[in-house]
Amino acid sequence: MLLALLPSAVRAAWQVKPSVELRETWSDNPQLRSDNEKQSQFITSVSPGVTITNDTPRLQVAASYRLNAFAYSDRRATGSDRFNNSLNATVKSSVIQDLLFVDATAGISQAQVSAFGPVSNNGYSDTNRSEVRSYRVSPYIVHQFGAFATTQLRYSHDLVDSDQVGFGRSTSDVIDLSLNSGQAFKTLGWGLQLNRETVEDSIAPKSINSSALANLRYSLNRQFNLTATGGYDKFDYDGMGEGTKGASWSLGFGYEPSTRTSVRMSAGRRYYGNSYFLAVSHRSRNTVWSINYSDDVTTSRSNFLLPSSVDTAAMLNQMYQANFPDPVMRAAFVEAYIRALGLPRSLPNAINYFSNRYSLQRQFNASVALRSARTTTTVTLYKSRREALSLVQYDSPLLGSEQQNLNDNTDQTGISLNVGYRLSALTAAALSASTGRSKSLSGNLSENNRQLRFNVSHSFQPRLSGTVEVRRSSGGLALQNSSYAENAVSASLSMNF
């Protein structure tokens, strides 16, 4: 209705695409309970959705919403969702050309409550899962001082909320100020970044975190440069006997032999100890490679706002850059390709479990995407370790007194494989397999989870497609000293309007 009121020239840039999916599933353990408690049943789901896009010089919008409604053959079943939502929306706007801009994001997703429990990928089970809602609005000003320098002043306000009892509803307000050298400094570049964040939480106390960082970049030639940073971090949380502030420094280099290859690496020290950074990317005609390592002080709420999973669309977007130079056409092709082959939207690199505490997170992930005439393959390997920094009492409402130390020290390792094969112009098959291990170093607990999925999809008409899928999930229930397994078969019809 709002779009109908806009001028025709503006309205033409918008694309609104409704869709609906009807799915029937049989599962022998829809609630992902232990093997001696599982009970089979049929699940009928209806999922209406809408995708809204706009791509103009002053405004870019990409929003996708979906409502999932479930009906069960056993109406007395517990541990299953009746309704859940998914939303992924981004907005970028140029309010005053070359001066004032606004970025905004909003999301709704189903997240794992604990790293120790069933890993749900069936859509309807709410065992060890809860809905997370978030948004972020960020206006900022950019100004250029000719070729000398560029400055940016950014303010951000965000909110993270969940249905999970014991996980605090929180908001934060962030001010970022940066000043970076301009084109006049071709050999020796420099920069300065200042940051101040205020976090209000319904469970943990208010915290004010700030940092200052100066950086230098010396270019030996067009391909290779040396880097150095120095600064100071000050975090405001109740620590566990360790310091919460201190100086930071790093030395490193950057190497870009071509537009297809980039290597950045640094090593240094921050108040919590040694700190390292690695970012390697390489793109060829039929492959995209990525290797990353980083360490930082973070929270669960920060990871919900900026998820660290590998974006499948981003990898394929790089792969097909030469085939589709126009970004809009490339994005449309990648979206259609993901749907046709049934590829996952994101590739996992550790579970972001619920916690109200600050943690030191060290994370490594490597991913590769390969394509041939009929096949697209993605592989991801991850290893993540979290060490809790703030007091354990803030997780008591979430975990209970008996398990409140569960998140003190966790280690997660896993690998996933996804293969999509185009049988014909209208038919495609996809195989997804993943395995992960979660270990609590302080709670002396560990468990493995595995998922295997195979589906075949067929386009009956340009806007009507169907999918048949078989799926198996299994793993441990470390807190119950038990295990679970689910076998499921489903068939679906999808209509795009």
Protein backbone atom coordinates (compact mmCIF):
# COMPACT_ATOMS: atom_id res chain seq x y z
CA MET A 1 0.00 0.00 0.00
CA LEU A 2 2.84 2.38 0.84
CA LEU A 3 4.59 1.60 -2.43
CA ALA A 4 1.41 2.36 -4.36
CA LEU A 5 1.50 5.95 -3.04
CA LEU A 6 5.02 6.58 -4.34
CA PRO A 7 5.70 8.21 -7.75
CA SER A 8 5.89 5.72 -10.59
CA ALA A 9 9.60 6.34 -11.22
CA VAL A 10 10.39 5.54 -7.59
CA ARG A 11 7.93 2.65 -7.43
CA ALA A 12 9.49 0.98 -10.48
CA ALA A 13 12.78 0.46 -8.59
CA TRP A 14 11.07 -1.64 -5.94
CA GLN A 15 10.53 -5.36 -6.32
CA VAL A 16 8.07 -7.14 -4.03
CA LYS A 17 7.92 -10.93 -4.42
CA PRO A 18 5.49 -12.88 -2.21
CA SER A 19 5.90 -16.65 -1.85
CA VAL A 20 4.35 -19.57 -0.02
CA GLU A 21 5.54 -23.09 0.77
CA LEU A 22 3.46 -26.11 1.82
CA ARG A 23 5.41 -28.99 3.39
CA GLU A 24 4.44 -32.40 4.80
CA THR A 25 7.00 -34.16 7.00
CA TRP A 26 7.17 -37.48 8.79
CA SER A 27 9.64 -37.64 11.65
CA ASP A 28 10.40 -40.40 14.12
CA ASN A 29 11.62 -37.87 16.74
CA PRO A 30 10.44 -34.32 16.02
CA GLN A 31 11.21 -33.08 19.56
CA LEU A 32 14.80 -34.40 19.41
CA ARG A 33 14.41 -36.30 22.65
CA SER A 34 16.55 -39.13 23.94
CA ASP A 35 16.24 -42.41 22.06
CA ASN A 36 14.03 -44.05 24.69
CA GLU A 37 11.52 -41.13 24.70
CA LYS A 38 11.07 -40.38 21.01
CA GLN A 39 7.68 -40.60 19.30
CA SER A 40 6.96 -40.34 15.57
CA GLN A 41 4.33 -38.12 13.96
CA PHE A 42 3.40 -36.12 10.86
CA ILE A 43 3.98 -32.37 10.68
CA THR A 44 2.20 -30.07 8.22
CA SER A 45 3.70 -26.62 7.71
CA VAL A 46 2.62 -23.55 5.77
CA SER A 47 5.21 -20.83 5.23
CA PRO A 48 4.14 -17.57 3.58
CA GLY A 49 6.88 -15.05 2.94
CA VAL A 50 7.86 -11.93 1.06
CA THR A 51 11.08 -10.53 -0.38
CA ILE A 52 11.47 -6.78 -0.93
CA THR A 53 14.39 -5.24 -2.80
CA ASN A 54 15.34 -1.81 -4.05
CA ASP A 55 18.61 -0.79 -5.69
CA THR A 56 18.97 2.88 -6.54
CA PRO A 57 21.90 5.28 -6.07
CA ARG A 58 20.26 6.79 -2.96
CA LEU A 59 18.62 3.72 -1.42
CA GLN A 60 19.41 0.01 -1.29
CA VAL A 61 16.99 -2.34 0.45
CA ALA A 62 17.12 -6.12 0.77
CA ALA A 63 14.53 -7.67 3.09
CA SER A 64 13.21 -11.21 3.37
CA TYR A 65 10.54 -12.32 5.87
CA ARG A 66 8.98 -15.73 6.42
CA LEU A 67 6.33 -17.00 8.83
CA ASN A 68 6.31 -20.74 9.57
CA ALA A 69 3.11 -22.30 10.95
CA PHE A 70 3.08 -25.96 12.06
CA ALA A 71 0.30 -28.48 12.73
CA TYR A 72 1.05 -31.87 14.33
CA SER A 73 -0.74 -35.19 14.06
CA ASP A 74 -0.27 -35.55 17.83
CA ARG A 75 -1.80 -32.36 19.19
CA ARG A 76 -0.55 -33.12 22.68
CA ALA A 77 3.07 -33.00 21.56
CA THR A 78 5.37 -30.75 23.57
CA GLY A 79 8.79 -29.45 22.66
CA SER A 80 7.62 -28.28 19.21
CA ASP A 81 6.94 -24.84 17.78
CA ARG A 82 3.49 -23.84 16.55
CA PHE A 83 4.80 -20.67 14.92
CA ASN A 84 8.20 -19.12 14.32
CA ASN A 85 9.59 -16.31 12.19
CA SER A 86 12.65 -15.48 10.15
CA LEU A 87 13.69 -12.02 9.00
CA ASN A 88 16.80 -10.69 7.35
CA ALA A 89 16.68 -7.03 6.36
CA THR A 90 19.34 -4.48 5.44
CA VAL A 91 18.92 -0.85 4.39
CA LYS A 92 21.58 1.55 3.11
CA SER A 93 20.56 5.13 2.41
CA SER A 94 22.31 8.28 1.23
CA VAL A 95 20.33 11.05 2.97
CA ILE A 96 22.59 13.93 1.94
CA GLN A 97 24.84 13.08 -0.97
CA ASP A 98 28.51 12.58 -0.01
CA LEU A 99 27.78 13.68 3.58
CA LEU A 100 25.04 11.94 5.61
CA PHE A 101 24.25 8.22 5.35
CA VAL A 102 22.14 5.71 7.30
CA ASP A 103 22.60 1.95 7.62
CA ALA A 104 20.02 -0.28 9.30
CA THR A 105 19.58 -4.01 9.84
CA ALA A 106 16.91 -6.16 11.45
CA GLY A 107 16.76 -9.89 12.03
CA ILE A 108 14.72 -12.70 13.53
CA SER A 109 16.24 -16.17 13.76
CA GLN A 110 16.09 -19.43 15.70
CA ALA A 111 19.28 -19.83 17.72
CA GLN A 112 20.83 -22.62 19.77
CA VAL A 113 20.45 -21.98 23.51
CA SER A 114 23.43 -24.10 24.55
CA ALA A 115 26.45 -25.60 22.84
CA PHE A 116 25.52 -28.82 24.66
CA GLY A 117 22.27 -30.17 23.32
CA PRO A 118 20.52 -31.11 20.08
CA VAL A 119 21.48 -29.09 17.02
CA SER A 120 18.12 -28.47 15.42
CA ASN A 121 17.82 -28.05 11.66
CA ASN A 122 14.27 -29.34 11.23
CA GLY A 123 12.50 -25.99 11.64
CA TYR A 124 9.82 -27.12 14.09
CA SER A 125 11.59 -28.37 17.22
CA ASP A 126 12.13 -25.84 20.00
CA THR A 127 14.36 -28.17 22.01
CA ASN A 128 17.56 -26.25 22.85
CA ARG A 129 16.39 -23.43 20.61
CA SER A 130 14.85 -19.99 21.04
CA GLU A 131 13.88 -17.06 18.85
CA VAL A 132 16.25 -14.09 18.77
CA ARG A 133 15.18 -10.65 17.57
CA SER A 134 17.55 -7.78 16.85
CA TYR A 135 17.84 -4.48 15.05
CA ARG A 136 20.55 -1.88 14.49
CA VAL A 137 20.26 1.71 13.21
CA SER A 138 23.43 3.61 12.36
CA PRO A 139 23.54 7.15 10.91
CA TYR A 140 26.99 8.47 10.03
CA ILE A 141 28.70 11.49 8.50
CA VAL A 142 31.62 11.29 6.06
CA HIS A 143 33.78 14.26 5.15
CA GLN A 144 36.86 14.51 2.93
CA PHE A 145 39.62 17.04 3.54
CA GLY A 146 40.66 17.03 -0.09
CA ALA A 147 43.41 14.49 -0.75
CA PHE A 148 44.75 14.88 2.80
CA ALA A 149 42.33 12.78 4.87
CA THR A 150 38.82 11.37 5.29
CA THR A 151 36.91 11.43 8.56
CA GLN A 152 33.81 9.52 9.63
CA LEU A 153 31.58 10.00 12.66
CA ARG A 154 29.12 7.16 13.27
CA TYR A 155 26.43 6.61 15.91
CA SER A 156 24.79 3.20 16.33
CA HIS A 157 21.87 2.05 18.43
CA ASP A 158 20.90 -1.62 18.61
CA LEU A 159 18.72 -4.05 20.53
CA VAL A 160 18.88 -7.82 21.12
CA ASP A 161 15.97 -9.72 22.66
CA SER A 162 14.93 -13.36 22.95
CA ASP A 163 12.19 -15.65 24.23
CA GLN A 164 14.76 -17.52 26.34
CA VAL A 165 14.28 -17.08 30.08
CA GLY A 166 17.53 -15.96 31.69
CA PHE A 167 18.97 -14.25 28.61
CA GLY A 168 18.90 -10.51 29.14
CA ARG A 169 17.19 -8.04 26.85
CA SER A 170 19.92 -5.54 26.02
CA THR A 171 20.56 -2.33 24.12
CA SER A 172 23.76 -0.56 23.21
CA ASP A 173 24.76 2.87 21.98
CA VAL A 174 28.06 3.20 20.14
CA ILE A 175 30.01 6.23 18.93
CA ASP A 176 32.83 5.69 16.42
CA LEU A 177 35.19 8.38 15.16
CA SER A 178 37.85 7.66 12.55
CA LEU A 179 40.37 9.78 10.66
CA ASN A 180 42.34 8.16 7.82
CA SER A 181 44.93 9.44 5.39
CA GLY A 182 43.86 10.31 1.87
CA GLN A 183 45.33 9.87 -1.60
CA ALA A 184 48.17 12.29 -0.86
CA PHE A 185 49.78 9.61 1.32
CA LYS A 186 50.60 6.87 -1.16
CA THR A 187 53.70 5.46 0.53
CA LEU A 188 53.01 6.10 4.21
CA GLY A 189 49.38 5.83 5.29
CA TRP A 190 48.00 6.50 8.75
CA GLY A 191 44.75 6.34 10.69
CA LEU A 192 43.13 6.92 14.07
CA GLN A 193 40.00 5.21 15.46
CA LEU A 194 38.14 6.05 18.67
CA ASN A 195 35.24 3.94 19.98
CA ARG A 196 32.90 4.17 22.97
CA GLU A 197 30.09 1.67 23.67
CA THR A 198 27.43 1.80 26.40
CA VAL A 199 25.54 -1.48 27.02
CA GLU A 200 22.34 -1.67 29.09
CA ASP A 201 21.33 -5.21 30.10
CA SER A 202 18.33 -6.49 32.06
CA ILE A 203 20.50 -9.08 33.88
CA ALA A 204 24.16 -8.05 33.74
CA PRO A 205 25.13 -4.58 35.02
CA LYS A 206 25.57 -1.60 32.73
CA SER A 207 28.97 -1.47 31.06
CA ILE A 208 30.90 1.25 29.22
CA ASN A 209 33.67 0.05 26.92
CA SER A 210 36.10 2.21 24.99
CA SER A 211 39.16 1.85 22.78
CA ALA A 212 41.66 4.00 20.90
CA LEU A 213 43.80 2.71 18.05
CA ALA A 214 46.37 4.35 15.78
CA ASN A 215 47.72 2.59 12.70
CA LEU A 216 50.49 3.04 10.14
CA ARG A 217 50.90 1.45 6.71
CA TYR A 218 54.14 1.61 4.74
CA SER A 219 53.90 0.51 1.09
CA LEU A 220 57.07 -1.07 -0.28
CA ASN A 221 55.38 -1.38 -3.68
CA ARG A 222 51.89 -1.71 -5.11
CA GLN A 223 51.56 -5.29 -3.87
CA PHE A 224 53.25 -5.40 -0.45
CA ASN A 225 52.93 -3.18 2.62
CA LEU A 226 53.97 -3.28 6.29
CA THR A 227 51.50 -2.40 9.06
CA ALA A 228 51.75 -1.38 12.71
CA THR A 229 49.11 -0.48 15.31
CA GLY A 230 49.15 0.85 18.85
CA GLY A 231 46.32 1.68 21.20
CA TYR A 232 44.49 1.16 24.47
CA ASP A 233 41.43 -0.93 25.44
CA LYS A 234 39.22 -0.33 28.47
CA PHE A 235 36.37 -2.76 29.19
CA ASP A 236 33.91 -2.18 32.00
CA TYR A 237 32.80 -5.61 33.26
CA ASP A 238 33.19 -7.38 36.60
CA GLY A 239 36.21 -9.56 35.87
CA MET A 240 37.25 -12.85 37.39
CA GLY A 241 40.49 -11.62 38.96
CA GLU A 242 41.98 -10.55 35.60
CA GLY A 243 42.56 -7.05 34.28
CA THR A 244 39.95 -5.45 32.06
CA LYS A 245 42.10 -2.78 30.42
CA GLY A 246 45.54 -2.24 28.95
CA ALA A 247 47.69 -1.18 26.01
CA SER A 248 47.63 -2.97 22.66
CA TRP A 249 50.04 -3.21 19.73
CA SER A 250 50.58 -5.28 16.58
CA LEU A 251 52.94 -5.67 13.63
CA GLY A 252 51.98 -7.21 10.33
CA PHE A 253 51.88 -7.02 6.56
CA GLY A 254 49.49 -7.02 3.62
CA TYR A 255 50.06 -8.65 0.24
CA GLU A 256 47.79 -8.23 -2.80
CA PRO A 257 49.46 -9.60 -5.94
CA SER A 258 46.20 -9.20 -7.90
CA THR A 259 42.55 -8.26 -7.47
CA ARG A 260 41.84 -11.98 -6.97
CA THR A 261 44.26 -12.64 -4.10
CA SER A 262 44.72 -10.96 -0.72
CA VAL A 263 46.79 -11.87 2.36
CA ARG A 264 46.72 -9.90 5.64
CA MET A 265 48.49 -11.01 8.79
CA SER A 266 49.47 -9.45 12.11
CA ALA A 267 50.72 -10.46 15.56
CA GLY A 268 50.77 -8.43 18.75
CA ARG A 269 49.48 -8.20 22.27
CA ARG A 270 46.41 -6.92 24.09
CA TYR A 271 45.46 -6.78 27.76
CA TYR A 272 44.32 -10.43 27.72
CA GLY A 273 47.54 -11.77 26.17
CA ASN A 274 48.96 -12.50 22.71
CA SER A 275 46.76 -11.52 19.80
CA TYR A 276 46.88 -12.68 16.17
CA PHE A 277 44.99 -11.92 12.97
CA LEU A 278 44.90 -13.69 9.60
CA ALA A 279 42.75 -13.08 6.52
CA VAL A 280 43.51 -14.89 3.26
CA SER A 281 41.25 -14.90 0.21
CA HIS A 282 41.75 -16.15 -3.31
CA ARG A 283 39.39 -16.29 -6.26
CA SER A 284 39.86 -18.10 -9.53
CA ARG A 285 37.41 -18.73 -12.36
CA ASN A 286 35.83 -21.73 -10.62
CA THR A 287 36.90 -21.48 -6.97
CA VAL A 288 36.75 -19.17 -3.96
CA TRP A 289 39.09 -19.78 -1.00
CA SER A 290 39.01 -18.12 2.41
CA ILE A 291 41.05 -18.61 5.62
CA ASN A 292 40.49 -16.45 8.70
CA TYR A 293 41.66 -16.29 12.30
CA SER A 294 40.92 -13.63 14.90
CA ASP A 295 40.66 -13.12 18.65
CA ASP A 296 38.64 -10.51 20.48
CA VAL A 297 36.56 -9.79 23.57
CA THR A 298 32.93 -10.33 22.66
CA THR A 299 29.47 -11.29 23.91
CA SER A 300 26.64 -13.48 22.68
CA ARG A 301 24.58 -10.38 21.89
CA SER A 302 27.38 -9.02 19.69
CA ASN A 303 27.53 -12.29 17.76
CA PHE A 304 23.76 -12.23 17.22
CA LEU A 305 24.06 -8.72 15.77
CA LEU A 306 27.04 -9.59 13.57
CA PRO A 307 26.84 -13.34 12.93
CA SER A 308 30.15 -14.96 12.08
CA SER A 309 28.80 -17.72 9.84
CA VAL A 310 30.07 -17.95 6.27
CA ASP A 311 27.57 -16.44 3.84
CA THR A 312 26.91 -18.86 0.94
CA ALA A 313 25.59 -16.07 -1.27
CA ALA A 314 28.72 -13.98 -0.67
CA MET A 315 30.99 -16.85 -1.73
CA LEU A 316 28.98 -17.58 -4.87
CA ASN A 317 28.78 -13.86 -5.60
CA GLN A 318 32.59 -13.77 -5.81
CA MET A 319 32.68 -16.92 -7.91
CA TYR A 320 30.30 -15.57 -10.57
CA GLN A 321 31.72 -12.05 -10.64
CA ALA A 322 33.31 -12.55 -14.06
CA ASN A 323 30.16 -14.14 -15.53
CA PHE A 324 27.81 -11.39 -14.28
CA PRO A 325 29.60 -8.03 -13.94
CA ASP A 326 26.34 -6.26 -13.06
CA PRO A 327 25.85 -6.72 -9.27
CA VAL A 328 22.04 -6.73 -9.46
CA MET A 329 21.94 -9.44 -12.15
CA ARG A 330 24.61 -11.41 -10.25
CA ALA A 331 22.66 -11.26 -6.99
CA ALA A 332 19.47 -12.45 -8.74
CA PHE A 333 21.33 -15.34 -10.37
CA VAL A 334 22.97 -16.41 -7.09
CA GLU A 335 19.63 -16.31 -5.25
CA ALA A 336 17.97 -18.46 -7.92
CA TYR A 337 20.95 -20.83 -7.90
CA ILE A 338 20.81 -21.34 -4.12
CA ARG A 339 17.09 -22.07 -4.26
CA ALA A 340 17.36 -24.44 -7.22
CA LEU A 341 20.12 -26.55 -5.64
CA GLY A 342 18.79 -26.31 -2.09
CA LEU A 343 22.09 -24.97 -0.74
CA PRO A 344 22.16 -23.69 2.87
CA ARG A 345 22.08 -19.91 3.35
CA SER A 346 25.06 -20.01 5.67
CA LEU A 347 27.88 -22.41 6.46
CA PRO A 348 28.42 -23.02 10.17
CA ASN A 349 31.55 -22.00 12.02
CA ALA A 350 30.66 -22.73 15.67
CA ILE A 351 27.44 -22.32 17.62
CA ASN A 352 26.70 -18.94 19.16
CA TYR A 353 25.17 -20.15 22.41
CA PHE A 354 23.34 -17.95 24.92
CA SER A 355 25.40 -16.24 27.62
CA ASN A 356 25.22 -12.97 29.58
CA ARG A 357 28.98 -12.81 30.10
CA TYR A 358 31.93 -11.23 28.31
CA SER A 359 34.22 -13.82 26.71
CA LEU A 360 37.54 -13.99 24.94
CA GLN A 361 36.79 -15.67 21.62
CA ARG A 362 39.52 -17.18 19.45
CA GLN A 363 38.14 -18.37 16.13
CA PHE A 364 39.57 -20.03 13.04
CA ASN A 365 37.62 -20.96 9.93
CA ALA A 366 38.54 -22.04 6.42
CA SER A 367 36.10 -22.39 3.54
CA VAL A 368 36.20 -23.16 -0.16
CA ALA A 369 33.60 -23.13 -2.92
CA LEU A 370 34.19 -25.02 -6.18
CA ARG A 371 32.06 -25.28 -9.28
CA SER A 372 31.98 -27.30 -12.46
CA ALA A 373 29.48 -27.44 -15.32
CA ARG A 374 26.84 -29.18 -13.14
CA THR A 375 28.18 -29.16 -9.59
CA THR A 376 28.73 -26.59 -6.85
CA THR A 377 30.58 -27.74 -3.72
CA THR A 378 31.24 -25.82 -0.49
CA VAL A 379 33.38 -27.02 2.41
CA THR A 380 33.85 -25.26 5.75
CA LEU A 381 36.14 -26.13 8.65
CA TYR A 382 35.95 -24.25 11.96
CA LYS A 383 37.48 -24.22 15.41
CA SER A 384 36.34 -21.80 18.09
CA ARG A 385 37.28 -21.38 21.73
CA ARG A 386 35.64 -19.12 24.31
CA GLU A 387 37.00 -18.23 27.73
CA ALA A 388 34.57 -16.42 30.03
CA LEU A 389 35.93 -13.16 31.44
CA SER A 390 33.08 -11.73 33.52
CA LEU A 391 31.48 -13.20 36.64
CA VAL A 392 29.68 -16.54 36.50
CA GLN A 393 26.68 -15.28 38.48
CA TYR A 394 25.23 -13.53 35.42
CA ASP A 395 24.61 -16.92 33.78
CA SER A 396 22.86 -18.40 36.83
CA PRO A 397 19.37 -17.35 35.62
CA LEU A 398 20.16 -18.97 32.26
CA LEU A 399 21.83 -22.21 33.31
CA GLY A 400 20.79 -22.73 36.91
CA SER A 401 23.11 -23.10 39.87
CA GLU A 402 24.15 -26.68 38.98
CA GLN A 403 25.40 -25.85 35.48
CA GLN A 404 26.39 -22.19 35.86
CA ASN A 405 30.04 -22.98 35.08
CA LEU A 406 29.17 -24.68 31.79
CA ASN A 407 30.20 -21.64 29.72
CA ASP A 408 33.46 -20.92 31.58
CA ASN A 409 35.61 -22.57 28.91
CA THR A 410 34.20 -24.06 25.70
CA ASP A 411 35.84 -25.49 22.61
CA GLN A 412 33.98 -26.19 19.36
CA THR A 413 35.29 -27.91 16.25
CA GLY A 414 33.44 -28.98 13.12
CA ILE A 415 33.32 -29.45 9.38
CA SER A 416 30.51 -29.22 6.82
CA LEU A 417 30.17 -30.34 3.21
CA ASN A 418 27.49 -29.23 0.73
CA VAL A 419 27.25 -30.54 -2.83
CA GLY A 420 24.67 -29.34 -5.34
CA TYR A 421 24.26 -31.16 -8.66
CA ARG A 422 22.12 -29.97 -11.56
CA LEU A 423 20.55 -33.05 -13.15
CA SER A 424 18.85 -31.03 -15.88
CA ALA A 425 17.62 -27.53 -16.56
CA LEU A 426 14.63 -28.16 -14.27
CA THR A 427 15.91 -30.71 -11.74
CA ALA A 428 18.67 -30.52 -9.13
CA ALA A 429 19.91 -32.60 -6.21
CA ALA A 430 21.80 -31.53 -3.10
CA LEU A 431 23.66 -33.34 -0.35
CA SER A 432 24.61 -31.68 2.95
CA ALA A 433 26.64 -33.28 5.72
CA SER A 434 28.14 -31.77 8.86
CA THR A 435 29.66 -32.91 12.11
CA GLY A 436 30.63 -30.88 15.15
CA ARG A 437 32.08 -31.43 18.60
CA SER A 438 31.43 -29.22 21.63
CA LYS A 439 33.55 -29.53 24.74
CA SER A 440 33.32 -27.81 28.13
CA LEU A 441 36.83 -27.65 29.53
CA SER A 442 35.61 -26.56 32.96
CA GLY A 443 32.50 -28.77 33.14
CA ASN A 444 34.24 -31.91 31.86
CA LEU A 445 31.51 -32.45 29.26
CA SER A 446 31.69 -33.17 25.54
CA GLU A 447 29.32 -34.27 22.81
CA ASN A 448 29.20 -34.77 19.05
CA ASN A 449 26.39 -33.78 16.69
CA ARG A 450 25.92 -34.91 13.09
CA GLN A 451 23.49 -33.93 10.33
CA LEU A 452 22.94 -35.52 6.92
CA ARG A 453 20.45 -34.22 4.36
CA PHE A 454 19.65 -35.16 0.75
CA ASN A 455 17.00 -33.55 -1.44
CA VAL A 456 15.85 -33.45 -5.04
CA SER A 457 14.01 -30.39 -6.37
CA HIS A 458 12.13 -29.90 -9.63
CA SER A 459 10.64 -26.82 -11.29
CA PHE A 460 7.19 -27.63 -12.66
CA GLN A 461 6.63 -24.09 -13.87
CA PRO A 462 8.69 -20.89 -13.70
CA ARG A 463 7.07 -20.04 -10.36
CA LEU A 464 6.16 -23.48 -9.02
CA SER A 465 8.69 -26.01 -7.70
CA GLY A 466 8.68 -29.10 -5.54
CA THR A 467 11.21 -30.81 -3.28
CA VAL A 468 11.55 -34.26 -1.74
CA GLU A 469 13.98 -34.59 1.14
CA VAL A 470 15.37 -37.20 3.54
CA ARG A 471 17.23 -36.14 6.67
CA ARG A 472 19.02 -37.64 9.66
CA SER A 473 20.27 -35.84 12.76
CA SER A 474 22.00 -37.46 15.69
CA GLY A 475 24.19 -36.56 18.60
CA GLY A 476 24.78 -36.59 22.31
CA LEU A 477 22.82 -35.14 25.22
CA ALA A 478 25.74 -34.57 27.55
CA LEU A 479 23.67 -32.96 30.31
CA GLN A 480 21.36 -36.00 30.37
CA ASN A 481 24.09 -38.58 29.80
CA SER A 482 22.11 -39.79 26.79
CA SER A 483 21.82 -39.40 23.01
CA TYR A 484 19.22 -38.57 20.36
CA ALA A 485 18.53 -39.30 16.68
CA GLU A 486 15.92 -38.11 14.20
CA ASN A 487 15.05 -39.60 10.81
CA ALA A 488 12.67 -37.62 8.63
CA VAL A 489 11.16 -37.56 5.15
CA SER A 490 9.42 -34.51 3.70
CA ALA A 491 7.83 -33.25 0.49
CA SER A 492 7.07 -29.62 -0.31
CA LEU A 493 5.59 -27.33 -2.94
CA SER A 494 6.76 -23.71 -3.31
CA MET A 495 5.04 -20.94 -5.22
CA ASN A 496 6.55 -17.54 -6.06
CA PHE A 497 4.11 -14.84 -7.09
